[in-house]
Amino acid sequence: MQRRFLLAIFAVLVGLAVTLVTGLVDVTPAGLTGAVWYGLPLAWFYVIVYPGSPWMINWMNFAGDLLLWIILCFTISFLAFRKATLSKGQ
């Protein structure tokens, strides 16, 4: 149980980091002018391209991205840890 808790904490931290880093990826649809979208796979950070405009964060898309990356990180780390312990014969 302790290992799964540590894997969950690790997955949350890595998932948050990956979500924030994907906020640097430009995913603006072709033909869209006047705004730049960031975030992967869901666009969650929007910048309007006129001077003085505020940034906008779509918190639902941010939460969706975060959840996706947490699940993915937990699954990968769980499988890697399981494979490592099985190869040791424990």
Protein backbone atom coordinates (compact mmCIF):
# COMPACT_ATOMS: atom_id res chain seq x y z
CA MET A 1 0.00 0.00 0.00
CA GLN A 2 2.87 2.35 0.78
CA ARG A 3 4.33 1.87 -2.71
CA ARG A 4 1.07 2.73 -4.43
CA PHE A 5 0.75 5.88 -2.34
CA LEU A 6 4.27 6.95 -3.30
CA LEU A 7 3.55 6.14 -6.94
CA ALA A 8 0.37 8.23 -6.74
CA ILE A 9 2.25 11.20 -5.27
CA PHE A 10 4.93 10.82 -7.94
CA ALA A 11 2.26 10.64 -10.67
CA VAL A 12 0.53 13.79 -9.40
CA LEU A 13 3.78 15.76 -9.32
CA VAL A 14 4.96 14.57 -12.73
CA GLY A 15 1.46 15.01 -14.18
CA LEU A 16 1.34 18.59 -12.94
CA ALA A 17 4.79 19.30 -14.35
CA VAL A 18 3.91 17.81 -17.73
CA THR A 19 0.63 19.73 -17.84
CA LEU A 20 2.42 23.00 -17.14
CA VAL A 21 5.12 22.27 -19.72
CA THR A 22 2.51 21.48 -22.36
CA GLY A 23 1.22 24.98 -21.72
CA LEU A 24 4.19 26.07 -23.85
CA VAL A 25 3.05 24.03 -26.88
CA ASP A 26 1.24 26.12 -29.51
CA VAL A 27 -1.86 24.24 -30.70
CA THR A 28 -3.63 27.12 -32.44
CA PRO A 29 -5.94 25.81 -35.18
CA ALA A 30 -4.99 26.73 -38.73
CA GLY A 31 -6.78 29.82 -39.93
CA LEU A 32 -7.47 31.20 -36.46
CA THR A 33 -6.32 34.79 -36.18
CA GLY A 34 -6.35 37.01 -33.14
CA ALA A 35 -5.53 34.39 -30.53
CA VAL A 36 -2.91 31.79 -29.70
CA TRP A 37 -3.87 28.55 -27.95
CA TYR A 38 -1.55 26.52 -25.72
CA GLY A 39 -1.87 23.14 -24.03
CA LEU A 40 -1.74 19.53 -25.12
CA PRO A 41 -3.96 17.56 -25.80
CA LEU A 42 -6.61 20.09 -24.71
CA ALA A 43 -5.97 23.80 -25.21
CA TRP A 44 -6.26 25.39 -21.78
CA PHE A 45 -4.25 28.61 -22.05
CA TYR A 46 -5.33 31.33 -24.47
CA VAL A 47 -3.56 34.56 -25.39
CA ILE A 48 -5.38 37.22 -27.37
CA VAL A 49 -2.92 38.96 -29.68
CA TYR A 50 -3.73 42.60 -29.20
CA PRO A 51 -1.77 44.80 -26.77
CA GLY A 52 -2.99 44.87 -23.20
CA SER A 53 -5.28 41.89 -23.50
CA PRO A 54 -5.49 39.52 -20.55
CA TRP A 55 -4.53 35.87 -20.68
CA MET A 56 -7.29 33.34 -20.23
CA ILE A 57 -7.11 29.91 -18.61
CA ASN A 58 -9.84 27.36 -19.21
CA TRP A 59 -9.80 25.52 -15.87
CA MET A 60 -11.94 22.61 -17.10
CA ASN A 61 -9.49 21.84 -19.92
CA PHE A 62 -6.59 22.28 -17.48
CA ALA A 63 -8.18 19.77 -15.10
CA GLY A 64 -8.78 17.36 -17.98
CA ASP A 65 -5.16 17.61 -19.10
CA LEU A 66 -3.94 17.20 -15.54
CA LEU A 67 -6.10 14.13 -14.98
CA LEU A 68 -4.97 12.58 -18.26
CA TRP A 69 -1.27 13.10 -17.50
CA ILE A 70 -1.64 11.85 -13.90
CA ILE A 71 -3.32 8.65 -15.07
CA LEU A 72 -0.71 8.14 -17.78
CA CYS A 73 2.21 8.76 -15.40
CA PHE A 74 0.75 6.49 -12.73
CA THR A 75 0.15 3.68 -15.23
CA ILE A 76 3.64 3.90 -16.70
CA SER A 77 5.37 4.11 -13.31
CA PHE A 78 3.23 1.29 -11.87
CA LEU A 79 4.01 -1.01 -14.80
CA ALA A 80 7.71 -0.13 -14.72
CA PHE A 81 7.89 -0.76 -10.97
CA ARG A 82 5.98 -4.02 -11.32
CA LYS A 83 8.29 -5.21 -14.10
CA ALA A 84 11.34 -4.30 -12.01
CA THR A 85 10.09 -6.24 -8.99
CA LEU A 86 9.07 -9.25 -11.12
CA SER A 87 12.49 -9.39 -12.76
CA LYS A 88 14.13 -9.47 -9.31
CA GLY A 89 12.02 -12.50 -8.42
CA GLN A 90 10.23 -10.91 -5.46
